[in-house]
Amino acid sequence: MIDPQDWYFHFTPLARLTEGVPFARESFESHRSLSVYAPDQEVVAHVLSGCATLLAWVRNAAHEYYTPDRSFVEGAIIALPLASAGRWKGE
């Protein structure tokens, strides 16, 4: 279904985010009830935390594939479940 519909643009950002992530070693856990705040916008956070990697996606709650709302999420603040106070890199 991806190729006939030319939906590659949907998956390019996800591929960039997860490039080089060793999924088999990370033992990711999903976090569904995180505190997220964005001024003047309803947002949803999807977070996977692993042994050394945390993947977080904050999205515009109004955007769905059947009712697109491509407004950018700006100024969002998310409380992340960090297991250690070590050094972290965010992108």
PDB file of N, CA and C in Angstrom:
ATOM      1  N   MET A   1       0.802  -1.205   0.000  1.00  0.00           N
ATOM      2  CA  MET A   1       0.000   0.000   0.000  1.00  0.00           C
ATOM      3  C   MET A   1       0.844   1.268   0.000  1.00  0.00           C
ATOM      4  N   ILE A   2       2.042   1.252   0.526  1.00  0.00           N
ATOM      5  CA  ILE A   2       2.853   2.467   0.595  1.00  0.00           C
ATOM      6  C   ILE A   2       3.301   2.905  -0.791  1.00  0.00           C
ATOM      7  N   ASP A   3       3.848   1.991  -1.572  1.00  0.00           N
ATOM      8  CA  ASP A   3       4.360   2.360  -2.886  1.00  0.00           C
ATOM      9  C   ASP A   3       3.264   2.815  -3.849  1.00  0.00           C
ATOM     10  N   PRO A   4       2.158   2.073  -4.005  1.00  0.00           N
ATOM     11  CA  PRO A   4       1.125   2.533  -4.947  1.00  0.00           C
ATOM     12  C   PRO A   4       0.536   3.901  -4.578  1.00  0.00           C
ATOM     13  N   GLN A   5       0.483   4.208  -3.299  1.00  0.00           N
ATOM     14  CA  GLN A   5      -0.073   5.483  -2.848  1.00  0.00           C
ATOM     15  C   GLN A   5       0.989   6.579  -2.723  1.00  0.00           C
ATOM     16  N   ASP A   6       2.272   6.213  -2.915  1.00  0.00           N
ATOM     17  CA  ASP A   6       3.402   7.141  -2.788  1.00  0.00           C
ATOM     18  C   ASP A   6       3.394   7.849  -1.423  1.00  0.00           C
ATOM     19  N   TRP A   7       3.282   7.069  -0.361  1.00  0.00           N
ATOM     20  CA  TRP A   7       3.234   7.597   0.999  1.00  0.00           C
ATOM     21  C   TRP A   7       4.604   7.671   1.665  1.00  0.00           C
ATOM     22  N   TYR A   8       5.669   7.621   0.900  1.00  0.00           N
ATOM     23  CA  TYR A   8       7.008   7.636   1.487  1.00  0.00           C
ATOM     24  C   TYR A   8       7.258   8.870   2.347  1.00  0.00           C
ATOM     25  N   PHE A   9       6.685  10.006   1.965  1.00  0.00           N
ATOM     26  CA  PHE A   9       6.914  11.234   2.732  1.00  0.00           C
ATOM     27  C   PHE A   9       6.412  11.110   4.165  1.00  0.00           C
ATOM     28  N   HIS A  10       5.435  10.225   4.415  1.00  0.00           N
ATOM     29  CA  HIS A  10       4.949  10.011   5.779  1.00  0.00           C
ATOM     30  C   HIS A  10       6.001   9.322   6.646  1.00  0.00           C
ATOM     31  N   PHE A  11       6.800   8.465   6.050  1.00  0.00           N
ATOM     32  CA  PHE A  11       7.709   7.615   6.820  1.00  0.00           C
ATOM     33  C   PHE A  11       9.150   8.120   6.858  1.00  0.00           C
ATOM     34  N   THR A  12       9.499   9.099   6.040  1.00  0.00           N
ATOM     35  CA  THR A  12      10.864   9.621   6.028  1.00  0.00           C
ATOM     36  C   THR A  12      11.276  10.185   7.383  1.00  0.00           C
ATOM     37  N   PRO A  13      10.467  11.035   8.039  1.00  0.00           N
ATOM     38  CA  PRO A  13      10.871  11.537   9.358  1.00  0.00           C
ATOM     39  C   PRO A  13      11.038  10.426  10.390  1.00  0.00           C
ATOM     40  N   LEU A  14      10.171   9.416  10.348  1.00  0.00           N
ATOM     41  CA  LEU A  14      10.283   8.291  11.278  1.00  0.00           C
ATOM     42  C   LEU A  14      11.557   7.504  11.019  1.00  0.00           C
ATOM     43  N   ALA A  15      11.891   7.296   9.765  1.00  0.00           N
ATOM     44  CA  ALA A  15      13.121   6.589   9.417  1.00  0.00           C
ATOM     45  C   ALA A  15      14.346   7.363   9.909  1.00  0.00           C
ATOM     46  N   ARG A  16      14.315   8.697   9.778  1.00  0.00           N
ATOM     47  CA  ARG A  16      15.439   9.514  10.265  1.00  0.00           C
ATOM     48  C   ARG A  16      15.563   9.434  11.785  1.00  0.00           C
ATOM     49  N   LEU A  17      14.432   9.492  12.472  1.00  0.00           N
ATOM     50  CA  LEU A  17      14.431   9.446  13.935  1.00  0.00           C
ATOM     51  C   LEU A  17      15.006   8.135  14.460  1.00  0.00           C
ATOM     52  N   THR A  18      14.698   7.035  13.805  1.00  0.00           N
ATOM     53  CA  THR A  18      15.084   5.714  14.316  1.00  0.00           C
ATOM     54  C   THR A  18      16.335   5.134  13.655  1.00  0.00           C
ATOM     55  N   GLU A  19      16.950   5.876  12.744  1.00  0.00           N
ATOM     56  CA  GLU A  19      18.155   5.379  12.069  1.00  0.00           C
ATOM     57  C   GLU A  19      19.248   5.058  13.090  1.00  0.00           C
ATOM     58  N   GLY A  20      19.745   3.852  13.043  1.00  0.00           N
ATOM     59  CA  GLY A  20      20.820   3.430  13.933  1.00  0.00           C
ATOM     60  C   GLY A  20      20.377   3.019  15.328  1.00  0.00           C
ATOM     61  N   VAL A  21      19.112   3.043  15.630  1.00  0.00           N
ATOM     62  CA  VAL A  21      18.628   2.643  16.951  1.00  0.00           C
ATOM     63  C   VAL A  21      18.637   1.120  17.031  1.00  0.00           C
ATOM     64  N   PRO A  22      19.349   0.552  18.005  1.00  0.00           N
ATOM     65  CA  PRO A  22      19.413  -0.908  18.137  1.00  0.00           C
ATOM     66  C   PRO A  22      18.185  -1.457  18.869  1.00  0.00           C
ATOM     67  N   PHE A  23      17.080  -1.588  18.156  1.00  0.00           N
ATOM     68  CA  PHE A  23      15.810  -1.981  18.766  1.00  0.00           C
ATOM     69  C   PHE A  23      15.910  -3.296  19.542  1.00  0.00           C
ATOM     70  N   ALA A  24      16.644  -4.264  19.048  1.00  0.00           N
ATOM     71  CA  ALA A  24      16.737  -5.570  19.711  1.00  0.00           C
ATOM     72  C   ALA A  24      17.396  -5.463  21.084  1.00  0.00           C
ATOM     73  N   ARG A  25      18.297  -4.496  21.286  1.00  0.00           N
ATOM     74  CA  ARG A  25      19.016  -4.345  22.561  1.00  0.00           C
ATOM     75  C   ARG A  25      18.359  -3.377  23.523  1.00  0.00           C
ATOM     76  N   GLU A  26      17.475  -2.536  23.058  1.00  0.00           N
ATOM     77  CA  GLU A  26      16.936  -1.458  23.890  1.00  0.00           C
ATOM     78  C   GLU A  26      15.835  -1.890  24.862  1.00  0.00           C
ATOM     79  N   SER A  27      15.085  -2.919  24.568  1.00  0.00           N
ATOM     80  CA  SER A  27      13.956  -3.336  25.427  1.00  0.00           C
ATOM     81  C   SER A  27      13.035  -2.149  25.726  1.00  0.00           C
ATOM     82  N   PHE A  28      12.544  -1.522  24.684  1.00  0.00           N
ATOM     83  CA  PHE A  28      11.722  -0.322  24.825  1.00  0.00           C
ATOM     84  C   PHE A  28      10.433  -0.592  25.593  1.00  0.00           C
ATOM     85  N   GLU A  29      10.032   0.406  26.383  1.00  0.00           N
ATOM     86  CA  GLU A  29       8.750   0.413  27.071  1.00  0.00           C
ATOM     87  C   GLU A  29       7.980   1.644  26.617  1.00  0.00           C
ATOM     88  N   SER A  30       6.686   1.507  26.444  1.00  0.00           N
ATOM     89  CA  SER A  30       5.845   2.625  26.033  1.00  0.00           C
ATOM     90  C   SER A  30       5.361   3.386  27.262  1.00  0.00           C
ATOM     91  N   HIS A  31       5.323   4.717  27.144  1.00  0.00           N
ATOM     92  CA  HIS A  31       4.805   5.579  28.211  1.00  0.00           C
ATOM     93  C   HIS A  31       3.636   6.365  27.639  1.00  0.00           C
ATOM     94  N   ARG A  32       2.449   6.117  28.163  1.00  0.00           N
ATOM     95  CA  ARG A  32       1.245   6.733  27.591  1.00  0.00           C
ATOM     96  C   ARG A  32       0.699   7.885  28.425  1.00  0.00           C
ATOM     97  N   SER A  33       1.041   7.969  29.680  1.00  0.00           N
ATOM     98  CA  SER A  33       0.437   9.006  30.520  1.00  0.00           C
ATOM     99  C   SER A  33       1.484  10.022  30.965  1.00  0.00           C
ATOM    100  N   LEU A  34       2.100  10.671  29.998  1.00  0.00           N
ATOM    101  CA  LEU A  34       3.100  11.679  30.319  1.00  0.00           C
ATOM    102  C   LEU A  34       2.473  13.062  30.348  1.00  0.00           C
ATOM    103  N   SER A  35       3.080  13.930  31.125  1.00  0.00           N
ATOM    104  CA  SER A  35       2.632  15.308  31.201  1.00  0.00           C
ATOM    105  C   SER A  35       3.210  16.089  30.025  1.00  0.00           C
ATOM    106  N   VAL A  36       2.317  16.644  29.197  1.00  0.00           N
ATOM    107  CA  VAL A  36       2.731  17.432  28.039  1.00  0.00           C
ATOM    108  C   VAL A  36       1.955  18.733  28.046  1.00  0.00           C
ATOM    109  N   TYR A  37       2.652  19.833  27.797  1.00  0.00           N
ATOM    110  CA  TYR A  37       2.010  21.132  27.749  1.00  0.00           C
ATOM    111  C   TYR A  37       2.448  21.861  26.489  1.00  0.00           C
ATOM    112  N   ALA A  38       1.509  22.422  25.779  1.00  0.00           N
ATOM    113  CA  ALA A  38       1.793  23.283  24.626  1.00  0.00           C
ATOM    114  C   ALA A  38       0.799  24.436  24.682  1.00  0.00           C
ATOM    115  N   PRO A  39       1.307  25.661  24.703  1.00  0.00           N
ATOM    116  CA  PRO A  39       0.391  26.799  24.787  1.00  0.00           C
ATOM    117  C   PRO A  39      -0.526  26.878  23.573  1.00  0.00           C
ATOM    118  N   ASP A  40      -1.802  27.043  23.818  1.00  0.00           N
ATOM    119  CA  ASP A  40      -2.811  27.254  22.769  1.00  0.00           C
ATOM    120  C   ASP A  40      -2.945  26.111  21.782  1.00  0.00           C
ATOM    121  N   GLN A  41      -2.558  24.901  22.163  1.00  0.00           N
ATOM    122  CA  GLN A  41      -2.658  23.775  21.234  1.00  0.00           C
ATOM    123  C   GLN A  41      -2.797  22.472  22.014  1.00  0.00           C
ATOM    124  N   GLU A  42      -3.658  21.600  21.539  1.00  0.00           N
ATOM    125  CA  GLU A  42      -3.787  20.279  22.137  1.00  0.00           C
ATOM    126  C   GLU A  42      -2.772  19.364  21.467  1.00  0.00           C
ATOM    127  N   VAL A  43      -1.967  18.680  22.273  1.00  0.00           N
ATOM    128  CA  VAL A  43      -0.923  17.808  21.743  1.00  0.00           C
ATOM    129  C   VAL A  43      -1.015  16.425  22.367  1.00  0.00           C
ATOM    130  N   VAL A  44      -0.396  15.468  21.703  1.00  0.00           N
ATOM    131  CA  VAL A  44      -0.317  14.093  22.177  1.00  0.00           C
ATOM    132  C   VAL A  44       1.152  13.691  22.125  1.00  0.00           C
ATOM    133  N   ALA A  45       1.620  12.982  23.152  1.00  0.00           N
ATOM    134  CA  ALA A  45       3.008  12.508  23.175  1.00  0.00           C
ATOM    135  C   ALA A  45       3.035  10.989  23.119  1.00  0.00           C
ATOM    136  N   HIS A  46       3.922  10.471  22.296  1.00  0.00           N
ATOM    137  CA  HIS A  46       4.167   9.036  22.207  1.00  0.00           C
ATOM    138  C   HIS A  46       5.641   8.852  22.561  1.00  0.00           C
ATOM    139  N   VAL A  47       5.923   8.057  23.584  1.00  0.00           N
ATOM    140  CA  VAL A  47       7.290   7.924  24.073  1.00  0.00           C
ATOM    141  C   VAL A  47       7.642   6.458  24.266  1.00  0.00           C
ATOM    142  N   LEU A  48       8.826   6.095  23.777  1.00  0.00           N
ATOM    143  CA  LEU A  48       9.420   4.785  24.025  1.00  0.00           C
ATOM    144  C   LEU A  48      10.738   5.024  24.745  1.00  0.00           C
ATOM    145  N   SER A  49      10.927   4.378  25.896  1.00  0.00           N
ATOM    146  CA  SER A  49      12.209   4.506  26.597  1.00  0.00           C
ATOM    147  C   SER A  49      12.866   3.141  26.662  1.00  0.00           C
ATOM    148  N   GLY A  50      14.168   3.153  26.363  1.00  0.00           N
ATOM    149  CA  GLY A  50      14.954   1.927  26.374  1.00  0.00           C
ATOM    150  C   GLY A  50      16.116   2.045  27.337  1.00  0.00           C
ATOM    151  N   CYS A  51      17.070   1.159  27.195  1.00  0.00           N
ATOM    152  CA  CYS A  51      18.241   1.138  28.080  1.00  0.00           C
ATOM    153  C   CYS A  51      19.084   2.397  27.947  1.00  0.00           C
ATOM    154  N   ALA A  52      19.316   2.851  26.713  1.00  0.00           N
ATOM    155  CA  ALA A  52      20.163   4.016  26.482  1.00  0.00           C
ATOM    156  C   ALA A  52      19.536   5.020  25.524  1.00  0.00           C
ATOM    157  N   THR A  53      18.306   4.766  25.105  1.00  0.00           N
ATOM    158  CA  THR A  53      17.653   5.617  24.112  1.00  0.00           C
ATOM    159  C   THR A  53      16.227   5.923  24.536  1.00  0.00           C
ATOM    160  N   LEU A  54      15.822   7.159  24.310  1.00  0.00           N
ATOM    161  CA  LEU A  54      14.444   7.553  24.543  1.00  0.00           C
ATOM    162  C   LEU A  54      13.942   8.213  23.254  1.00  0.00           C
ATOM    163  N   LEU A  55      12.859   7.689  22.697  1.00  0.00           N
ATOM    164  CA  LEU A  55      12.259   8.244  21.485  1.00  0.00           C
ATOM    165  C   LEU A  55      10.947   8.905  21.875  1.00  0.00           C
ATOM    166  N   ALA A  56      10.800  10.177  21.552  1.00  0.00           N
ATOM    167  CA  ALA A  56       9.578  10.912  21.885  1.00  0.00           C
ATOM    168  C   ALA A  56       9.055  11.617  20.646  1.00  0.00           C
ATOM    169  N   TRP A  57       7.769  11.521  20.433  1.00  0.00           N
ATOM    170  CA  TRP A  57       7.099  12.182  19.326  1.00  0.00           C
ATOM    171  C   TRP A  57       5.938  12.967  19.921  1.00  0.00           C
ATOM    172  N   VAL A  58       5.991  14.280  19.798  1.00  0.00           N
ATOM    173  CA  VAL A  58       4.902  15.138  20.248  1.00  0.00           C
ATOM    174  C   VAL A  58       4.199  15.630  18.994  1.00  0.00           C
ATOM    175  N   ARG A  59       2.911  15.363  18.901  1.00  0.00           N
ATOM    176  CA  ARG A  59       2.189  15.715  17.681  1.00  0.00           C
ATOM    177  C   ARG A  59       0.956  16.545  17.985  1.00  0.00           C
ATOM    178  N   ASN A  60       0.533  17.263  16.987  1.00  0.00           N
ATOM    179  CA  ASN A  60      -0.695  18.032  17.011  1.00  0.00           C
ATOM    180  C   ASN A  60      -1.852  17.031  17.132  1.00  0.00           C
ATOM    181  N   ALA A  61      -2.636  17.118  18.187  1.00  0.00           N
ATOM    182  CA  ALA A  61      -3.719  16.153  18.420  1.00  0.00           C
ATOM    183  C   ALA A  61      -4.814  16.233  17.359  1.00  0.00           C
ATOM    184  N   ALA A  62      -4.922  17.371  16.692  1.00  0.00           N
ATOM    185  CA  ALA A  62      -5.962  17.531  15.671  1.00  0.00           C
ATOM    186  C   ALA A  62      -5.579  16.897  14.339  1.00  0.00           C
ATOM    187  N   HIS A  63      -4.324  16.505  14.185  1.00  0.00           N
ATOM    188  CA  HIS A  63      -3.881  15.952  12.899  1.00  0.00           C
ATOM    189  C   HIS A  63      -4.106  14.440  12.855  1.00  0.00           C
ATOM    190  N   GLU A  64      -4.916  14.016  11.935  1.00  0.00           N
ATOM    191  CA  GLU A  64      -5.140  12.605  11.652  1.00  0.00           C
ATOM    192  C   GLU A  64      -5.027  12.428  10.149  1.00  0.00           C
ATOM    193  N   TYR A  65      -4.712  11.254   9.703  1.00  0.00           N
ATOM    194  CA  TYR A  65      -4.490  11.076   8.267  1.00  0.00           C
ATOM    195  C   TYR A  65      -5.749  11.363   7.453  1.00  0.00           C
ATOM    196  N   TYR A  66      -6.924  11.161   8.039  1.00  0.00           N
ATOM    197  CA  TYR A  66      -8.172  11.398   7.301  1.00  0.00           C
ATOM    198  C   TYR A  66      -8.694  12.826   7.479  1.00  0.00           C
ATOM    199  N   THR A  67      -8.159  13.568   8.467  1.00  0.00           N
ATOM    200  CA  THR A  67      -8.487  14.986   8.648  1.00  0.00           C
ATOM    201  C   THR A  67      -7.200  15.736   8.964  1.00  0.00           C
ATOM    202  N   PRO A  68      -6.384  15.997   7.952  1.00  0.00           N
ATOM    203  CA  PRO A  68      -5.070  16.593   8.208  1.00  0.00           C
ATOM    204  C   PRO A  68      -5.137  18.015   8.769  1.00  0.00           C
ATOM    205  N   ASP A  69      -4.326  18.259   9.768  1.00  0.00           N
ATOM    206  CA  ASP A  69      -4.092  19.591  10.318  1.00  0.00           C
ATOM    207  C   ASP A  69      -2.586  19.675  10.506  1.00  0.00           C
ATOM    208  N   ARG A  70      -1.907  20.292   9.597  1.00  0.00           N
ATOM    209  CA  ARG A  70      -0.441  20.290   9.589  1.00  0.00           C
ATOM    210  C   ARG A  70       0.174  21.445  10.383  1.00  0.00           C
ATOM    211  N   SER A  71      -0.564  21.980  11.346  1.00  0.00           N
ATOM    212  CA  SER A  71      -0.017  23.031  12.202  1.00  0.00           C
ATOM    213  C   SER A  71       1.175  22.488  12.971  1.00  0.00           C
ATOM    214  N   PHE A  72       2.236  23.268  13.037  1.00  0.00           N
ATOM    215  CA  PHE A  72       3.414  22.853  13.779  1.00  0.00           C
ATOM    216  C   PHE A  72       3.154  22.914  15.272  1.00  0.00           C
ATOM    217  N   VAL A  73       3.793  22.023  16.005  1.00  0.00           N
ATOM    218  CA  VAL A  73       3.769  22.071  17.461  1.00  0.00           C
ATOM    219  C   VAL A  73       4.980  22.895  17.873  1.00  0.00           C
ATOM    220  N   GLU A  74       4.723  24.001  18.555  1.00  0.00           N
ATOM    221  CA  GLU A  74       5.813  24.876  18.981  1.00  0.00           C
ATOM    222  C   GLU A  74       5.694  25.173  20.466  1.00  0.00           C
ATOM    223  N   GLY A  75       6.821  25.209  21.139  1.00  0.00           N
ATOM    224  CA  GLY A  75       6.851  25.554  22.554  1.00  0.00           C
ATOM    225  C   GLY A  75       6.332  24.481  23.481  1.00  0.00           C
ATOM    226  N   ALA A  76       6.279  23.234  23.018  1.00  0.00           N
ATOM    227  CA  ALA A  76       5.769  22.151  23.865  1.00  0.00           C
ATOM    228  C   ALA A  76       6.787  21.785  24.931  1.00  0.00           C
ATOM    229  N   ILE A  77       6.280  21.428  26.086  1.00  0.00           N
ATOM    230  CA  ILE A  77       7.109  20.975  27.207  1.00  0.00           C
ATOM    231  C   ILE A  77       6.607  19.597  27.601  1.00  0.00           C
ATOM    232  N   ILE A  78       7.527  18.640  27.690  1.00  0.00           N
ATOM    233  CA  ILE A  78       7.163  17.265  28.034  1.00  0.00           C
ATOM    234  C   ILE A  78       8.042  16.788  29.183  1.00  0.00           C
ATOM    235  N   ALA A  79       7.430  16.141  30.170  1.00  0.00           N
ATOM    236  CA  ALA A  79       8.168  15.553  31.291  1.00  0.00           C
ATOM    237  C   ALA A  79       8.539  14.134  30.882  1.00  0.00           C
ATOM    238  N   LEU A  80       9.833  13.889  30.699  1.00  0.00           N
ATOM    239  CA  LEU A  80      10.297  12.592  30.217  1.00  0.00           C
ATOM    240  C   LEU A  80      10.747  11.693  31.354  1.00  0.00           C
ATOM    241  N   PRO A  81      10.506  10.391  31.233  1.00  0.00           N
ATOM    242  CA  PRO A  81      10.888   9.433  32.279  1.00  0.00           C
ATOM    243  C   PRO A  81      12.358   9.021  32.137  1.00  0.00           C
ATOM    244  N   LEU A  82      13.276   9.858  32.574  1.00  0.00           N
ATOM    245  CA  LEU A  82      14.695   9.552  32.450  1.00  0.00           C
ATOM    246  C   LEU A  82      15.145   8.692  33.616  1.00  0.00           C
ATOM    247  N   ALA A  83      15.764   7.572  33.310  1.00  0.00           N
ATOM    248  CA  ALA A  83      16.202   6.633  34.352  1.00  0.00           C
ATOM    249  C   ALA A  83      17.455   7.124  35.063  1.00  0.00           C
ATOM    250  N   SER A  84      18.255   7.937  34.375  1.00  0.00           N
ATOM    251  CA  SER A  84      19.485   8.429  35.006  1.00  0.00           C
ATOM    252  C   SER A  84      19.667   9.902  34.680  1.00  0.00           C
ATOM    253  N   ALA A  85      20.476  10.542  35.481  1.00  0.00           N
ATOM    254  CA  ALA A  85      20.737  11.965  35.278  1.00  0.00           C
ATOM    255  C   ALA A  85      21.962  12.183  34.403  1.00  0.00           C
ATOM    256  N   GLY A  86      22.361  11.190  33.649  1.00  0.00           N
ATOM    257  CA  GLY A  86      23.545  11.292  32.799  1.00  0.00           C
ATOM    258  C   GLY A  86      23.385  12.310  31.687  1.00  0.00           C
ATOM    259  N   ARG A  87      24.234  12.215  30.713  1.00  0.00           N
ATOM    260  CA  ARG A  87      24.230  13.145  29.596  1.00  0.00           C
ATOM    261  C   ARG A  87      23.241  12.683  28.527  1.00  0.00           C
ATOM    262  N   TRP A  88      22.407  13.622  28.064  1.00  0.00           N
ATOM    263  CA  TRP A  88      21.388  13.300  27.061  1.00  0.00           C
ATOM    264  C   TRP A  88      21.535  14.232  25.881  1.00  0.00           C
ATOM    265  N   LYS A  89      21.181  13.757  24.709  1.00  0.00           N
ATOM    266  CA  LYS A  89      21.194  14.561  23.490  1.00  0.00           C
ATOM    267  C   LYS A  89      19.791  14.540  22.916  1.00  0.00           C
ATOM    268  N   GLY A  90      19.253  15.702  22.613  1.00  0.00           N
ATOM    269  CA  GLY A  90      17.914  15.787  22.037  1.00  0.00           C
ATOM    270  C   GLY A  90      17.949  16.336  20.633  1.00  0.00           C
ATOM    271  N   GLU A  91      17.075  15.821  19.794  1.00  0.00           N
ATOM    272  CA  GLU A  91      16.951  16.314  18.417  1.00  0.00           C
ATOM    273  C   GLU A  91      15.494  16.551  18.119  1.00  0.00           C
TER     274      GLU A  91
END
